[in-house]
Amino acid sequence: MLRAALSRALDGLFGILEESAALEGSSLERLRHIVRRQVEVLTSELPYVTLLLRVRGNTATSAGRWPAAGSSTRR
């Protein structure tokens, strides 16, 4: 289920970058298009995005329970 949610949410977001409006025009026009389309995709795929956000923080790595690189694990 997580793989399906990840695929559905990310495929739409990465697909935006291949749209002609994201590749043509001024930098500002391209940026506006990309941001506008990201909002559209995120809202249309809201259940899948919500699932991904809820999963975030459930692992030791994403919850910040691993020491930073170079820091000592003993105190």
PDB file of N, CA and C in Angstrom:
ATOM      1  N   MET A   1       0.832  -1.183   0.000  1.00  0.00           N
ATOM      2  CA  MET A   1       0.000   0.000   0.000  1.00  0.00           C
ATOM      3  C   MET A   1       0.880   1.253   0.000  1.00  0.00           C
ATOM      4  N   LEU A   2       1.951   1.208   0.780  1.00  0.00           N
ATOM      5  CA  LEU A   2       2.857   2.355   0.822  1.00  0.00           C
ATOM      6  C   LEU A   2       3.515   2.585  -0.535  1.00  0.00           C
ATOM      7  N   ARG A   3       3.921   1.515  -1.182  1.00  0.00           N
ATOM      8  CA  ARG A   3       4.545   1.632  -2.501  1.00  0.00           C
ATOM      9  C   ARG A   3       3.577   2.253  -3.509  1.00  0.00           C
ATOM     10  N   ALA A   4       2.319   1.845  -3.469  1.00  0.00           N
ATOM     11  CA  ALA A   4       1.313   2.390  -4.380  1.00  0.00           C
ATOM     12  C   ALA A   4       1.092   3.875  -4.110  1.00  0.00           C
ATOM     13  N   ALA A   5       1.027   4.261  -2.832  1.00  0.00           N
ATOM     14  CA  ALA A   5       0.838   5.668  -2.475  1.00  0.00           C
ATOM     15  C   ALA A   5       2.029   6.497  -2.924  1.00  0.00           C
ATOM     16  N   LEU A   6       3.208   5.977  -2.697  1.00  0.00           N
ATOM     17  CA  LEU A   6       4.418   6.688  -3.098  1.00  0.00           C
ATOM     18  C   LEU A   6       4.460   6.864  -4.612  1.00  0.00           C
ATOM     19  N   SER A   7       4.172   5.813  -5.319  1.00  0.00           N
ATOM     20  CA  SER A   7       4.191   5.867  -6.773  1.00  0.00           C
ATOM     21  C   SER A   7       3.150   6.847  -7.301  1.00  0.00           C
ATOM     22  N   ARG A   8       1.948   6.776  -6.767  1.00  0.00           N
ATOM     23  CA  ARG A   8       0.875   7.641  -7.255  1.00  0.00           C
ATOM     24  C   ARG A   8       1.180   9.120  -6.988  1.00  0.00           C
ATOM     25  N   ALA A   9       1.671   9.423  -5.798  1.00  0.00           N
ATOM     26  CA  ALA A   9       1.962  10.817  -5.446  1.00  0.00           C
ATOM     27  C   ALA A   9       3.160  11.353  -6.230  1.00  0.00           C
ATOM     28  N   LEU A  10       4.222  10.583  -6.303  1.00  0.00           N
ATOM     29  CA  LEU A  10       5.446  11.076  -6.936  1.00  0.00           C
ATOM     30  C   LEU A  10       5.382  11.073  -8.452  1.00  0.00           C
ATOM     31  N   ASP A  11       4.688  10.109  -9.044  1.00  0.00           N
ATOM     32  CA  ASP A  11       4.593  10.083 -10.508  1.00  0.00           C
ATOM     33  C   ASP A  11       3.964  11.364 -11.029  1.00  0.00           C
ATOM     34  N   GLY A  12       2.920  11.812 -10.373  1.00  0.00           N
ATOM     35  CA  GLY A  12       2.274  13.046 -10.790  1.00  0.00           C
ATOM     36  C   GLY A  12       3.178  14.252 -10.640  1.00  0.00           C
ATOM     37  N   LEU A  13       3.910  14.289  -9.535  1.00  0.00           N
ATOM     38  CA  LEU A  13       4.800  15.439  -9.301  1.00  0.00           C
ATOM     39  C   LEU A  13       5.954  15.475 -10.294  1.00  0.00           C
ATOM     40  N   PHE A  14       6.569  14.333 -10.540  1.00  0.00           N
ATOM     41  CA  PHE A  14       7.676  14.312 -11.498  1.00  0.00           C
ATOM     42  C   PHE A  14       7.178  14.507 -12.925  1.00  0.00           C
ATOM     43  N   GLY A  15       5.957  14.075 -13.209  1.00  0.00           N
ATOM     44  CA  GLY A  15       5.381  14.270 -14.532  1.00  0.00           C
ATOM     45  C   GLY A  15       5.231  15.733 -14.893  1.00  0.00           C
ATOM     46  N   ILE A  16       5.010  16.563 -13.897  1.00  0.00           N
ATOM     47  CA  ILE A  16       4.881  18.010 -14.125  1.00  0.00           C
ATOM     48  C   ILE A  16       6.126  18.561 -14.798  1.00  0.00           C
ATOM     49  N   LEU A  17       7.266  18.070 -14.415  1.00  0.00           N
ATOM     50  CA  LEU A  17       8.528  18.592 -14.944  1.00  0.00           C
ATOM     51  C   LEU A  17       8.722  18.280 -16.419  1.00  0.00           C
ATOM     52  N   GLU A  18       7.931  17.347 -16.950  1.00  0.00           N
ATOM     53  CA  GLU A  18       8.037  16.984 -18.356  1.00  0.00           C
ATOM     54  C   GLU A  18       6.992  17.695 -19.219  1.00  0.00           C
ATOM     55  N   GLU A  19       6.085  18.442 -18.600  1.00  0.00           N
ATOM     56  CA  GLU A  19       5.074  19.174 -19.354  1.00  0.00           C
ATOM     57  C   GLU A  19       5.732  20.311 -20.139  1.00  0.00           C
ATOM     58  N   SER A  20       5.166  20.617 -21.303  1.00  0.00           N
ATOM     59  CA  SER A  20       5.788  21.634 -22.165  1.00  0.00           C
ATOM     60  C   SER A  20       5.872  22.991 -21.476  1.00  0.00           C
ATOM     61  N   ALA A  21       4.884  23.354 -20.669  1.00  0.00           N
ATOM     62  CA  ALA A  21       4.909  24.650 -19.974  1.00  0.00           C
ATOM     63  C   ALA A  21       6.008  24.708 -18.916  1.00  0.00           C
ATOM     64  N   ALA A  22       6.475  23.561 -18.465  1.00  0.00           N
ATOM     65  CA  ALA A  22       7.565  23.532 -17.492  1.00  0.00           C
ATOM     66  C   ALA A  22       8.923  23.599 -18.176  1.00  0.00           C
ATOM     67  N   LEU A  23       8.918  23.440 -19.488  1.00  0.00           N
ATOM     68  CA  LEU A  23      10.173  23.420 -20.238  1.00  0.00           C
ATOM     69  C   LEU A  23      10.366  24.641 -21.122  1.00  0.00           C
ATOM     70  N   GLU A  24       9.281  25.366 -21.391  1.00  0.00           N
ATOM     71  CA  GLU A  24       9.345  26.493 -22.311  1.00  0.00           C
ATOM     72  C   GLU A  24       8.912  27.779 -21.615  1.00  0.00           C
ATOM     73  N   GLY A  25       9.416  28.882 -22.085  1.00  0.00           N
ATOM     74  CA  GLY A  25       9.057  30.179 -21.527  1.00  0.00           C
ATOM     75  C   GLY A  25      10.137  30.705 -20.605  1.00  0.00           C
ATOM     76  N   SER A  26       9.838  31.837 -19.994  1.00  0.00           N
ATOM     77  CA  SER A  26      10.813  32.443 -19.078  1.00  0.00           C
ATOM     78  C   SER A  26      10.904  31.616 -17.794  1.00  0.00           C
ATOM     79  N   SER A  27      11.937  31.877 -17.039  1.00  0.00           N
ATOM     80  CA  SER A  27      12.113  31.162 -15.766  1.00  0.00           C
ATOM     81  C   SER A  27      10.917  31.365 -14.855  1.00  0.00           C
ATOM     82  N   LEU A  28      10.419  32.586 -14.800  1.00  0.00           N
ATOM     83  CA  LEU A  28       9.275  32.893 -13.944  1.00  0.00           C
ATOM     84  C   LEU A  28       8.018  32.155 -14.400  1.00  0.00           C
ATOM     85  N   GLU A  29       7.784  32.120 -15.703  1.00  0.00           N
ATOM     86  CA  GLU A  29       6.622  31.399 -16.235  1.00  0.00           C
ATOM     87  C   GLU A  29       6.711  29.913 -15.922  1.00  0.00           C
ATOM     88  N   ARG A  30       7.895  29.334 -16.088  1.00  0.00           N
ATOM     89  CA  ARG A  30       8.081  27.905 -15.796  1.00  0.00           C
ATOM     90  C   ARG A  30       7.867  27.628 -14.322  1.00  0.00           C
ATOM     91  N   LEU A  31       8.424  28.487 -13.456  1.00  0.00           N
ATOM     92  CA  LEU A  31       8.269  28.304 -12.014  1.00  0.00           C
ATOM     93  C   LEU A  31       6.801  28.398 -11.603  1.00  0.00           C
ATOM     94  N   ARG A  32       6.103  29.385 -12.125  1.00  0.00           N
ATOM     95  CA  ARG A  32       4.677  29.535 -11.805  1.00  0.00           C
ATOM     96  C   ARG A  32       3.886  28.305 -12.227  1.00  0.00           C
ATOM     97  N   HIS A  33       4.183  27.799 -13.405  1.00  0.00           N
ATOM     98  CA  HIS A  33       3.489  26.609 -13.889  1.00  0.00           C
ATOM     99  C   HIS A  33       3.753  25.419 -12.967  1.00  0.00           C
ATOM    100  N   ILE A  34       5.012  25.212 -12.631  1.00  0.00           N
ATOM    101  CA  ILE A  34       5.378  24.063 -11.798  1.00  0.00           C
ATOM    102  C   ILE A  34       4.715  24.150 -10.430  1.00  0.00           C
ATOM    103  N   VAL A  35       4.759  25.295  -9.799  1.00  0.00           N
ATOM    104  CA  VAL A  35       4.149  25.449  -8.474  1.00  0.00           C
ATOM    105  C   VAL A  35       2.640  25.268  -8.552  1.00  0.00           C
ATOM    106  N   ARG A  36       2.000  25.877  -9.556  1.00  0.00           N
ATOM    107  CA  ARG A  36       0.549  25.754  -9.706  1.00  0.00           C
ATOM    108  C   ARG A  36       0.148  24.292  -9.911  1.00  0.00           C
ATOM    109  N   ARG A  37       0.881  23.602 -10.760  1.00  0.00           N
ATOM    110  CA  ARG A  37       0.571  22.189 -11.032  1.00  0.00           C
ATOM    111  C   ARG A  37       0.869  21.302  -9.827  1.00  0.00           C
ATOM    112  N   GLN A  38       1.910  21.620  -9.056  1.00  0.00           N
ATOM    113  CA  GLN A  38       2.191  20.837  -7.852  1.00  0.00           C
ATOM    114  C   GLN A  38       1.022  20.917  -6.888  1.00  0.00           C
ATOM    115  N   VAL A  39       0.481  22.099  -6.711  1.00  0.00           N
ATOM    116  CA  VAL A  39      -0.672  22.261  -5.823  1.00  0.00           C
ATOM    117  C   VAL A  39      -1.850  21.448  -6.343  1.00  0.00           C
ATOM    118  N   GLU A  40      -2.086  21.493  -7.652  1.00  0.00           N
ATOM    119  CA  GLU A  40      -3.174  20.718  -8.239  1.00  0.00           C
ATOM    120  C   GLU A  40      -2.991  19.224  -8.008  1.00  0.00           C
ATOM    121  N   VAL A  41      -1.780  18.729  -8.257  1.00  0.00           N
ATOM    122  CA  VAL A  41      -1.522  17.295  -8.083  1.00  0.00           C
ATOM    123  C   VAL A  41      -1.627  16.905  -6.613  1.00  0.00           C
ATOM    124  N   LEU A  42      -1.035  17.698  -5.729  1.00  0.00           N
ATOM    125  CA  LEU A  42      -1.077  17.356  -4.310  1.00  0.00           C
ATOM    126  C   LEU A  42      -2.502  17.340  -3.771  1.00  0.00           C
ATOM    127  N   THR A  43      -3.333  18.251  -4.214  1.00  0.00           N
ATOM    128  CA  THR A  43      -4.716  18.254  -3.732  1.00  0.00           C
ATOM    129  C   THR A  43      -5.528  17.124  -4.360  1.00  0.00           C
ATOM    130  N   SER A  44      -5.251  16.789  -5.609  1.00  0.00           N
ATOM    131  CA  SER A  44      -5.992  15.694  -6.243  1.00  0.00           C
ATOM    132  C   SER A  44      -5.566  14.331  -5.704  1.00  0.00           C
ATOM    133  N   GLU A  45      -4.355  14.218  -5.219  1.00  0.00           N
ATOM    134  CA  GLU A  45      -3.837  12.962  -4.663  1.00  0.00           C
ATOM    135  C   GLU A  45      -3.739  13.040  -3.140  1.00  0.00           C
ATOM    136  N   LEU A  46      -4.562  13.844  -2.522  1.00  0.00           N
ATOM    137  CA  LEU A  46      -4.476  14.113  -1.090  1.00  0.00           C
ATOM    138  C   LEU A  46      -4.470  12.862  -0.214  1.00  0.00           C
ATOM    139  N   PRO A  47      -5.313  11.866  -0.452  1.00  0.00           N
ATOM    140  CA  PRO A  47      -5.265  10.681   0.413  1.00  0.00           C
ATOM    141  C   PRO A  47      -3.901   9.980   0.397  1.00  0.00           C
ATOM    142  N   TYR A  48      -3.265   9.954  -0.776  1.00  0.00           N
ATOM    143  CA  TYR A  48      -1.968   9.287  -0.894  1.00  0.00           C
ATOM    144  C   TYR A  48      -0.859  10.120  -0.251  1.00  0.00           C
ATOM    145  N   VAL A  49      -0.923  11.422  -0.448  1.00  0.00           N
ATOM    146  CA  VAL A  49       0.056  12.320   0.173  1.00  0.00           C
ATOM    147  C   VAL A  49      -0.083  12.273   1.696  1.00  0.00           C
ATOM    148  N   THR A  50      -1.324  12.243   2.179  1.00  0.00           N
ATOM    149  CA  THR A  50      -1.570  12.170   3.621  1.00  0.00           C
ATOM    150  C   THR A  50      -0.970  10.899   4.201  1.00  0.00           C
ATOM    151  N   LEU A  51      -1.146   9.787   3.499  1.00  0.00           N
ATOM    152  CA  LEU A  51      -0.561   8.526   3.968  1.00  0.00           C
ATOM    153  C   LEU A  51       0.950   8.641   4.083  1.00  0.00           C
ATOM    154  N   LEU A  52       1.585   9.234   3.081  1.00  0.00           N
ATOM    155  CA  LEU A  52       3.041   9.383   3.120  1.00  0.00           C
ATOM    156  C   LEU A  52       3.480  10.277   4.267  1.00  0.00           C
ATOM    157  N   LEU A  53       2.736  11.340   4.530  1.00  0.00           N
ATOM    158  CA  LEU A  53       3.101  12.244   5.618  1.00  0.00           C
ATOM    159  C   LEU A  53       2.908  11.581   6.978  1.00  0.00           C
ATOM    160  N   ARG A  54       1.922  10.719   7.098  1.00  0.00           N
ATOM    161  CA  ARG A  54       1.699  10.025   8.368  1.00  0.00           C
ATOM    162  C   ARG A  54       2.749   8.968   8.629  1.00  0.00           C
ATOM    163  N   VAL A  55       3.239   8.340   7.574  1.00  0.00           N
ATOM    164  CA  VAL A  55       4.281   7.328   7.722  1.00  0.00           C
ATOM    165  C   VAL A  55       5.587   7.983   8.126  1.00  0.00           C
ATOM    166  N   ARG A  56       5.838   9.181   7.624  1.00  0.00           N
ATOM    167  CA  ARG A  56       7.065   9.906   7.960  1.00  0.00           C
ATOM    168  C   ARG A  56       7.134  10.091   9.475  1.00  0.00           C
ATOM    169  N   GLY A  57       8.252   9.752  10.058  1.00  0.00           N
ATOM    170  CA  GLY A  57       8.415   9.893  11.497  1.00  0.00           C
ATOM    171  C   GLY A  57       8.239   8.593  12.246  1.00  0.00           C
ATOM    172  N   ASN A  58       7.858   7.542  11.517  1.00  0.00           N
ATOM    173  CA  ASN A  58       7.643   6.259  12.172  1.00  0.00           C
ATOM    174  C   ASN A  58       8.880   5.370  12.174  1.00  0.00           C
ATOM    175  N   THR A  59       9.967   5.820  11.606  1.00  0.00           N
ATOM    176  CA  THR A  59      11.189   5.043  11.621  1.00  0.00           C
ATOM    177  C   THR A  59      12.230   5.775  12.467  1.00  0.00           C
ATOM    178  N   ALA A  60      13.212   5.046  12.918  1.00  0.00           N
ATOM    179  CA  ALA A  60      14.260   5.649  13.744  1.00  0.00           C
ATOM    180  C   ALA A  60      14.977   6.762  12.995  1.00  0.00           C
ATOM    181  N   THR A  61      15.219   6.569  11.707  1.00  0.00           N
ATOM    182  CA  THR A  61      15.919   7.584  10.926  1.00  0.00           C
ATOM    183  C   THR A  61      15.098   8.850  10.783  1.00  0.00           C
ATOM    184  N   SER A  62      13.841   8.723  10.362  1.00  0.00           N
ATOM    185  CA  SER A  62      13.045   9.927  10.119  1.00  0.00           C
ATOM    186  C   SER A  62      12.598  10.596  11.412  1.00  0.00           C
ATOM    187  N   ALA A  63      12.606   9.867  12.520  1.00  0.00           N
ATOM    188  CA  ALA A  63      12.208  10.463  13.790  1.00  0.00           C
ATOM    189  C   ALA A  63      13.387  11.140  14.480  1.00  0.00           C
ATOM    190  N   GLY A  64      14.571  11.052  13.874  1.00  0.00           N
ATOM    191  CA  GLY A  64      15.731  11.733  14.429  1.00  0.00           C
ATOM    192  C   GLY A  64      16.364  11.013  15.602  1.00  0.00           C
ATOM    193  N   ARG A  65      16.175   9.715  15.668  1.00  0.00           N
ATOM    194  CA  ARG A  65      16.752   8.970  16.785  1.00  0.00           C
ATOM    195  C   ARG A  65      18.146   8.456  16.484  1.00  0.00           C
ATOM    196  N   TRP A  66      18.659   8.743  15.297  1.00  0.00           N
ATOM    197  CA  TRP A  66      20.012   8.350  14.960  1.00  0.00           C
ATOM    198  C   TRP A  66      20.933   9.544  15.195  1.00  0.00           C
ATOM    199  N   PRO A  67      22.111   9.302  15.719  1.00  0.00           N
ATOM    200  CA  PRO A  67      23.030  10.432  15.949  1.00  0.00           C
ATOM    201  C   PRO A  67      23.492  11.016  14.624  1.00  0.00           C
ATOM    202  N   ALA A  68      23.782  12.279  14.639  1.00  0.00           N
ATOM    203  CA  ALA A  68      24.270  12.959  13.445  1.00  0.00           C
ATOM    204  C   ALA A  68      25.638  12.408  13.064  1.00  0.00           C
ATOM    205  N   ALA A  69      25.953  12.474  11.818  1.00  0.00           N
ATOM    206  CA  ALA A  69      27.258  11.975  11.339  1.00  0.00           C
ATOM    207  C   ALA A  69      28.375  12.705  12.078  1.00  0.00           C
ATOM    208  N   GLY A  70      29.317  11.942  12.542  1.00  0.00           N
ATOM    209  CA  GLY A  70      30.467  12.528  13.207  1.00  0.00           C
ATOM    210  C   GLY A  70      30.269  12.757  14.694  1.00  0.00           C
ATOM    211  N   SER A  71      29.059  12.579  15.201  1.00  0.00           N
ATOM    212  CA  SER A  71      28.874  12.790  16.623  1.00  0.00           C
ATOM    213  C   SER A  71      29.058  11.473  17.368  1.00  0.00           C
ATOM    214  N   SER A  72      29.360  11.560  18.599  1.00  0.00           N
ATOM    215  CA  SER A  72      29.585  10.388  19.417  1.00  0.00           C
ATOM    216  C   SER A  72      28.258   9.783  19.848  1.00  0.00           C
ATOM    217  N   THR A  73      28.198   8.426  19.849  1.00  0.00           N
ATOM    218  CA  THR A  73      26.967   7.777  20.283  1.00  0.00           C
ATOM    219  C   THR A  73      26.956   7.579  21.795  1.00  0.00           C
ATOM    220  N   ARG A  74      28.080   7.806  22.436  1.00  0.00           N
ATOM    221  CA  ARG A  74      28.152   7.656  23.895  1.00  0.00           C
ATOM    222  C   ARG A  74      28.252   9.020  24.559  1.00  0.00           C
ATOM    223  N   ARG A  75      27.635   9.106  25.682  1.00  0.00           N
ATOM    224  CA  ARG A  75      27.710  10.378  26.424  1.00  0.00           C
ATOM    225  C   ARG A  75      28.125  10.129  27.834  1.00  0.00           C
TER     226      ARG A  75
END
